[in-house]
């Protein structure tokens, strides 16, 4: 595909314009808001408490995260990196879900 773009000057210009548009989009300033964990009595606290504290930080989340890390380690040791690395990363994300939900920033 890149060979076809570089055959003539039109293709080079198209690629340059695409990179410039992406660069300008990245450089645009956006406000960032941090997500804070809700306190008791606030909107959707029960949903957050059940999902994050009850499931992800509870026994279900621990077993799921540990199983994903173990599976990913075993598959990676066998040489299947495209399958093992995401499993390990997913397991770590599950195990650290409470810290991730508190420090996650969201662009608005």
N, C-alpha and C. Protein backbone atom coordinates (compact mmCIF):
# COMPACT_ATOMS: atom_id res chain seq x y z
N UNK A 1 0.82 -1.19 0.00
CA UNK A 1 0.00 0.00 0.00
C UNK A 1 0.87 1.26 0.00
N UNK A 2 1.94 1.26 0.78
CA UNK A 2 2.81 2.44 0.82
C UNK A 2 3.55 2.62 -0.50
N UNK A 3 3.88 1.52 -1.18
CA UNK A 3 4.55 1.65 -2.47
C UNK A 3 3.67 2.38 -3.47
N UNK A 4 2.36 2.09 -3.40
CA UNK A 4 1.43 2.77 -4.30
C UNK A 4 1.34 4.26 -3.99
N UNK A 5 1.43 4.63 -2.71
CA UNK A 5 1.37 6.04 -2.34
C UNK A 5 2.58 6.82 -2.81
N UNK A 6 3.74 6.16 -2.81
CA UNK A 6 4.97 6.85 -3.17
C UNK A 6 5.29 6.79 -4.66
N UNK A 7 4.42 6.24 -5.48
CA UNK A 7 4.66 6.18 -6.92
C UNK A 7 4.68 7.57 -7.55
N UNK A 8 3.78 8.40 -7.10
CA UNK A 8 3.72 9.76 -7.65
C UNK A 8 3.66 10.77 -6.51
N UNK A 9 3.73 12.03 -6.87
CA UNK A 9 3.75 13.08 -5.85
C UNK A 9 2.39 13.25 -5.17
N UNK A 10 1.31 12.86 -5.84
CA UNK A 10 0.00 12.96 -5.22
C UNK A 10 -0.09 12.08 -3.98
N UNK A 11 0.46 10.89 -4.07
CA UNK A 11 0.43 9.98 -2.94
C UNK A 11 1.21 10.50 -1.76
N UNK A 12 2.36 11.13 -2.05
CA UNK A 12 3.18 11.70 -0.98
C UNK A 12 2.43 12.84 -0.31
N UNK A 13 1.76 13.66 -1.11
CA UNK A 13 0.99 14.77 -0.54
C UNK A 13 -0.18 14.26 0.29
N UNK A 14 -0.84 13.22 -0.17
CA UNK A 14 -1.96 12.65 0.60
C UNK A 14 -1.47 12.15 1.96
N UNK A 15 -0.35 11.46 1.95
CA UNK A 15 0.21 10.95 3.19
C UNK A 15 0.65 12.09 4.11
N UNK A 16 1.24 13.14 3.54
CA UNK A 16 1.67 14.29 4.33
C UNK A 16 0.48 15.00 4.96
N UNK A 17 -0.58 15.18 4.19
CA UNK A 17 -1.78 15.84 4.71
C UNK A 17 -2.41 15.00 5.82
N UNK A 18 -2.43 13.68 5.64
CA UNK A 18 -2.98 12.81 6.69
C UNK A 18 -2.18 12.94 7.98
N UNK A 19 -0.86 12.94 7.89
CA UNK A 19 -0.03 13.10 9.08
C UNK A 19 -0.22 14.47 9.72
N UNK A 20 -0.39 15.51 8.90
CA UNK A 20 -0.59 16.84 9.44
C UNK A 20 -1.93 16.93 10.19
N UNK A 21 -2.98 16.32 9.64
CA UNK A 21 -4.29 16.33 10.29
C UNK A 21 -4.23 15.58 11.62
N UNK A 22 -3.57 14.43 11.62
CA UNK A 22 -3.44 13.67 12.87
C UNK A 22 -2.60 14.46 13.87
N UNK A 23 -1.54 15.10 13.42
CA UNK A 23 -0.70 15.90 14.31
C UNK A 23 -1.46 17.07 14.92
N UNK A 24 -2.25 17.75 14.11
CA UNK A 24 -3.04 18.86 14.64
C UNK A 24 -4.08 18.38 15.63
N UNK A 25 -4.67 17.24 15.36
CA UNK A 25 -5.66 16.68 16.28
C UNK A 25 -5.03 16.34 17.62
N UNK A 26 -3.84 15.80 17.59
CA UNK A 26 -3.14 15.43 18.83
C UNK A 26 -2.75 16.68 19.61
N UNK A 27 -2.39 17.74 18.93
CA UNK A 27 -1.91 18.95 19.60
C UNK A 27 -3.03 19.85 20.13
N UNK A 28 -4.27 19.57 19.77
CA UNK A 28 -5.37 20.39 20.28
C UNK A 28 -5.48 20.20 21.79
N UNK A 29 -5.67 21.30 22.48
CA UNK A 29 -5.75 21.24 23.94
C UNK A 29 -7.16 20.84 24.37
N UNK A 30 -7.23 19.87 25.25
CA UNK A 30 -8.50 19.45 25.82
C UNK A 30 -8.38 19.50 27.34
N UNK A 31 -9.50 19.80 27.98
CA UNK A 31 -9.52 19.75 29.43
C UNK A 31 -9.60 18.30 29.87
N UNK A 32 -8.89 17.97 30.92
CA UNK A 32 -8.93 16.61 31.45
C UNK A 32 -9.56 16.64 32.83
N UNK A 33 -10.45 15.69 33.07
CA UNK A 33 -11.08 15.57 34.37
C UNK A 33 -10.71 14.20 34.94
N UNK A 34 -10.36 14.18 36.18
CA UNK A 34 -10.04 12.91 36.83
C UNK A 34 -11.33 12.28 37.34
N UNK A 35 -11.42 10.98 37.19
CA UNK A 35 -12.57 10.26 37.69
C UNK A 35 -12.29 9.92 39.15
N UNK A 36 -13.19 10.31 40.01
CA UNK A 36 -13.04 9.98 41.42
C UNK A 36 -14.05 8.90 41.78
N UNK A 37 -13.66 8.06 42.69
CA UNK A 37 -14.60 7.02 43.12
C UNK A 37 -15.72 7.67 43.92
N UNK A 38 -16.96 7.25 43.68
CA UNK A 38 -18.08 7.89 44.36
C UNK A 38 -18.11 7.55 45.85
N UNK A 39 -18.70 8.44 46.61
CA UNK A 39 -18.83 8.22 48.05
C UNK A 39 -20.23 7.70 48.34
N UNK A 40 -20.42 7.14 49.51
CA UNK A 40 -21.71 6.57 49.87
C UNK A 40 -22.81 7.64 49.80
N UNK A 41 -23.89 7.29 49.16
CA UNK A 41 -25.02 8.21 49.02
C UNK A 41 -25.02 8.99 47.73
N UNK A 42 -23.93 8.96 46.96
CA UNK A 42 -23.90 9.70 45.70
C UNK A 42 -24.54 8.86 44.59
N UNK A 43 -24.68 9.50 43.43
CA UNK A 43 -25.31 8.86 42.28
C UNK A 43 -24.51 7.64 41.83
N UNK A 44 -25.17 6.52 41.65
CA UNK A 44 -24.61 5.27 41.16
C UNK A 44 -23.55 4.67 42.08
N UNK A 45 -23.59 5.00 43.36
CA UNK A 45 -22.63 4.41 44.29
C UNK A 45 -22.86 2.91 44.43
N UNK A 46 -24.14 2.51 44.44
CA UNK A 46 -24.44 1.09 44.60
C UNK A 46 -23.88 0.26 43.44
N UNK A 47 -23.98 0.81 42.23
CA UNK A 47 -23.45 0.10 41.06
C UNK A 47 -21.93 0.01 41.16
N UNK A 48 -21.27 1.11 41.50
CA UNK A 48 -19.82 1.12 41.66
C UNK A 48 -19.40 0.16 42.76
N UNK A 49 -20.09 0.19 43.89
CA UNK A 49 -19.74 -0.65 45.02
C UNK A 49 -19.88 -2.13 44.66
N UNK A 50 -20.95 -2.48 43.98
CA UNK A 50 -21.16 -3.87 43.60
C UNK A 50 -20.13 -4.32 42.57
N UNK A 51 -19.91 -3.52 41.55
CA UNK A 51 -19.02 -3.93 40.47
C UNK A 51 -17.56 -3.91 40.88
N UNK A 52 -17.09 -2.79 41.41
CA UNK A 52 -15.66 -2.65 41.71
C UNK A 52 -15.31 -3.35 43.03
N UNK A 53 -16.01 -3.02 44.09
CA UNK A 53 -15.65 -3.58 45.40
C UNK A 53 -16.12 -5.02 45.57
N UNK A 54 -17.30 -5.33 45.06
CA UNK A 54 -17.82 -6.68 45.25
C UNK A 54 -17.27 -7.72 44.28
N UNK A 55 -17.13 -7.32 43.01
CA UNK A 55 -16.71 -8.30 42.00
C UNK A 55 -15.22 -8.18 41.69
N UNK A 56 -14.77 -7.01 41.24
CA UNK A 56 -13.37 -6.88 40.82
C UNK A 56 -12.38 -7.02 41.98
N UNK A 57 -12.69 -6.43 43.13
CA UNK A 57 -11.79 -6.54 44.28
C UNK A 57 -12.09 -7.75 45.14
N UNK A 58 -13.16 -8.45 44.84
CA UNK A 58 -13.54 -9.62 45.62
C UNK A 58 -12.89 -10.89 45.09
N UNK A 59 -13.43 -12.02 45.50
CA UNK A 59 -12.84 -13.30 45.10
C UNK A 59 -12.97 -13.57 43.61
N UNK A 60 -14.04 -13.10 42.99
CA UNK A 60 -14.22 -13.34 41.56
C UNK A 60 -13.13 -12.63 40.77
N UNK A 61 -12.86 -11.38 41.09
CA UNK A 61 -11.83 -10.63 40.40
C UNK A 61 -10.44 -11.17 40.64
N UNK A 62 -10.17 -11.60 41.88
CA UNK A 62 -8.85 -12.14 42.18
C UNK A 62 -8.61 -13.44 41.42
N UNK A 63 -9.58 -14.33 41.43
CA UNK A 63 -9.42 -15.61 40.73
C UNK A 63 -9.31 -15.37 39.23
N UNK A 64 -10.14 -14.49 38.69
CA UNK A 64 -10.06 -14.19 37.26
C UNK A 64 -8.74 -13.56 36.85
N UNK A 65 -8.27 -12.60 37.65
CA UNK A 65 -6.99 -11.96 37.34
C UNK A 65 -5.82 -12.91 37.47
N UNK A 66 -5.80 -13.71 38.53
CA UNK A 66 -4.72 -14.67 38.71
C UNK A 66 -4.73 -15.74 37.63
N UNK A 67 -5.92 -16.18 37.23
CA UNK A 67 -6.02 -17.17 36.16
C UNK A 67 -5.53 -16.59 34.83
N UNK A 68 -5.87 -15.34 34.55
CA UNK A 68 -5.43 -14.71 33.31
C UNK A 68 -3.92 -14.53 33.28
N UNK A 69 -3.34 -14.13 34.41
CA UNK A 69 -1.88 -13.97 34.47
C UNK A 69 -1.20 -15.33 34.31
N UNK A 70 -1.71 -16.36 34.97
CA UNK A 70 -1.13 -17.70 34.87
C UNK A 70 -1.24 -18.23 33.45
N UNK A 71 -2.42 -18.09 32.85
CA UNK A 71 -2.61 -18.54 31.47
C UNK A 71 -1.69 -17.79 30.53
N UNK A 72 -1.61 -16.49 30.68
CA UNK A 72 -0.75 -15.68 29.83
C UNK A 72 0.71 -16.05 29.97
N UNK A 73 1.14 -16.31 31.19
CA UNK A 73 2.53 -16.73 31.41
C UNK A 73 2.83 -18.07 30.77
N UNK A 74 1.89 -19.01 30.88
CA UNK A 74 2.10 -20.33 30.30
C UNK A 74 2.11 -20.27 28.77
N UNK A 75 1.21 -19.51 28.20
CA UNK A 75 1.14 -19.39 26.74
C UNK A 75 2.35 -18.64 26.20
N UNK A 76 2.79 -17.61 26.92
CA UNK A 76 3.98 -16.86 26.49
C UNK A 76 5.22 -17.73 26.57
N UNK A 77 5.31 -18.58 27.59
CA UNK A 77 6.46 -19.48 27.71
C UNK A 77 6.51 -20.48 26.57
N UNK A 78 5.36 -20.80 25.98
CA UNK A 78 5.32 -21.71 24.85
C UNK A 78 5.64 -21.00 23.54
N UNK A 79 5.78 -19.70 23.58
CA UNK A 79 6.17 -18.95 22.40
C UNK A 79 5.02 -18.27 21.67
N UNK A 80 3.82 -18.34 22.20
CA UNK A 80 2.67 -17.71 21.56
C UNK A 80 2.47 -16.32 22.17
N UNK A 81 3.34 -15.38 21.77
CA UNK A 81 3.34 -14.04 22.36
C UNK A 81 2.07 -13.24 22.06
N UNK A 82 1.51 -13.30 20.84
CA UNK A 82 0.30 -12.51 20.59
C UNK A 82 -0.89 -12.92 21.45
N UNK A 83 -0.88 -14.14 21.97
CA UNK A 83 -1.97 -14.58 22.84
C UNK A 83 -1.62 -14.38 24.31
N UNK A 84 -0.36 -14.50 24.66
CA UNK A 84 0.04 -14.47 26.07
C UNK A 84 0.16 -13.09 26.66
N UNK A 85 0.73 -12.15 25.92
CA UNK A 85 0.97 -10.81 26.46
C UNK A 85 -0.35 -10.08 26.79
N UNK A 86 -1.36 -10.10 25.90
CA UNK A 86 -2.63 -9.46 26.30
C UNK A 86 -3.30 -10.13 27.49
N UNK A 87 -3.13 -11.45 27.62
CA UNK A 87 -3.72 -12.14 28.77
C UNK A 87 -3.06 -11.69 30.07
N UNK A 88 -1.75 -11.55 30.06
CA UNK A 88 -1.05 -11.08 31.26
C UNK A 88 -1.46 -9.65 31.58
N UNK A 89 -1.49 -8.80 30.58
CA UNK A 89 -1.88 -7.40 30.81
C UNK A 89 -3.32 -7.30 31.30
N UNK A 90 -4.21 -8.09 30.73
CA UNK A 90 -5.60 -8.09 31.18
C UNK A 90 -5.74 -8.57 32.61
N UNK A 91 -4.97 -9.59 32.99
CA UNK A 91 -5.01 -10.07 34.35
C UNK A 91 -4.51 -9.04 35.34
N UNK A 92 -3.46 -8.33 34.97
CA UNK A 92 -2.94 -7.29 35.85
C UNK A 92 -3.95 -6.15 35.98
N UNK A 93 -4.62 -5.82 34.90
CA UNK A 93 -5.64 -4.77 34.95
C UNK A 93 -6.78 -5.19 35.88
N UNK A 94 -7.18 -6.45 35.81
CA UNK A 94 -8.24 -6.93 36.70
C UNK A 94 -7.78 -6.88 38.15
N UNK A 95 -6.55 -7.30 38.41
CA UNK A 95 -6.05 -7.31 39.79
C UNK A 95 -5.90 -5.90 40.37
N UNK A 96 -5.60 -4.92 39.52
CA UNK A 96 -5.41 -3.53 39.98
C UNK A 96 -6.57 -2.63 39.59
N UNK A 97 -7.77 -3.18 39.49
CA UNK A 97 -8.92 -2.41 39.01
C UNK A 97 -9.25 -1.24 39.91
N UNK A 98 -9.14 -1.40 41.22
CA UNK A 98 -9.49 -0.29 42.11
C UNK A 98 -8.55 0.89 41.95
N UNK A 99 -7.26 0.62 41.81
CA UNK A 99 -6.29 1.71 41.62
C UNK A 99 -6.49 2.36 40.25
N UNK A 100 -6.82 1.58 39.25
CA UNK A 100 -7.01 2.13 37.90
C UNK A 100 -8.25 3.00 37.85
N UNK A 101 -9.34 2.58 38.49
CA UNK A 101 -10.55 3.40 38.45
C UNK A 101 -10.38 4.70 39.21
N UNK A 102 -9.51 4.74 40.19
CA UNK A 102 -9.31 5.98 40.95
C UNK A 102 -8.35 6.94 40.25
N UNK A 103 -7.41 6.42 39.47
CA UNK A 103 -6.42 7.30 38.84
C UNK A 103 -6.65 7.54 37.37
N UNK A 104 -7.68 6.96 36.83
CA UNK A 104 -7.97 7.09 35.41
C UNK A 104 -8.39 8.51 35.07
N UNK A 105 -7.82 9.08 34.03
CA UNK A 105 -8.23 10.40 33.58
C UNK A 105 -9.08 10.27 32.33
N UNK A 106 -10.07 11.13 32.18
CA UNK A 106 -10.96 11.04 31.04
C UNK A 106 -10.96 12.38 30.31
N UNK A 107 -10.77 12.35 29.01
CA UNK A 107 -10.81 13.58 28.21
C UNK A 107 -12.26 13.92 27.90
N UNK A 108 -12.61 15.17 28.13
CA UNK A 108 -13.98 15.60 27.88
C UNK A 108 -13.99 16.57 26.71
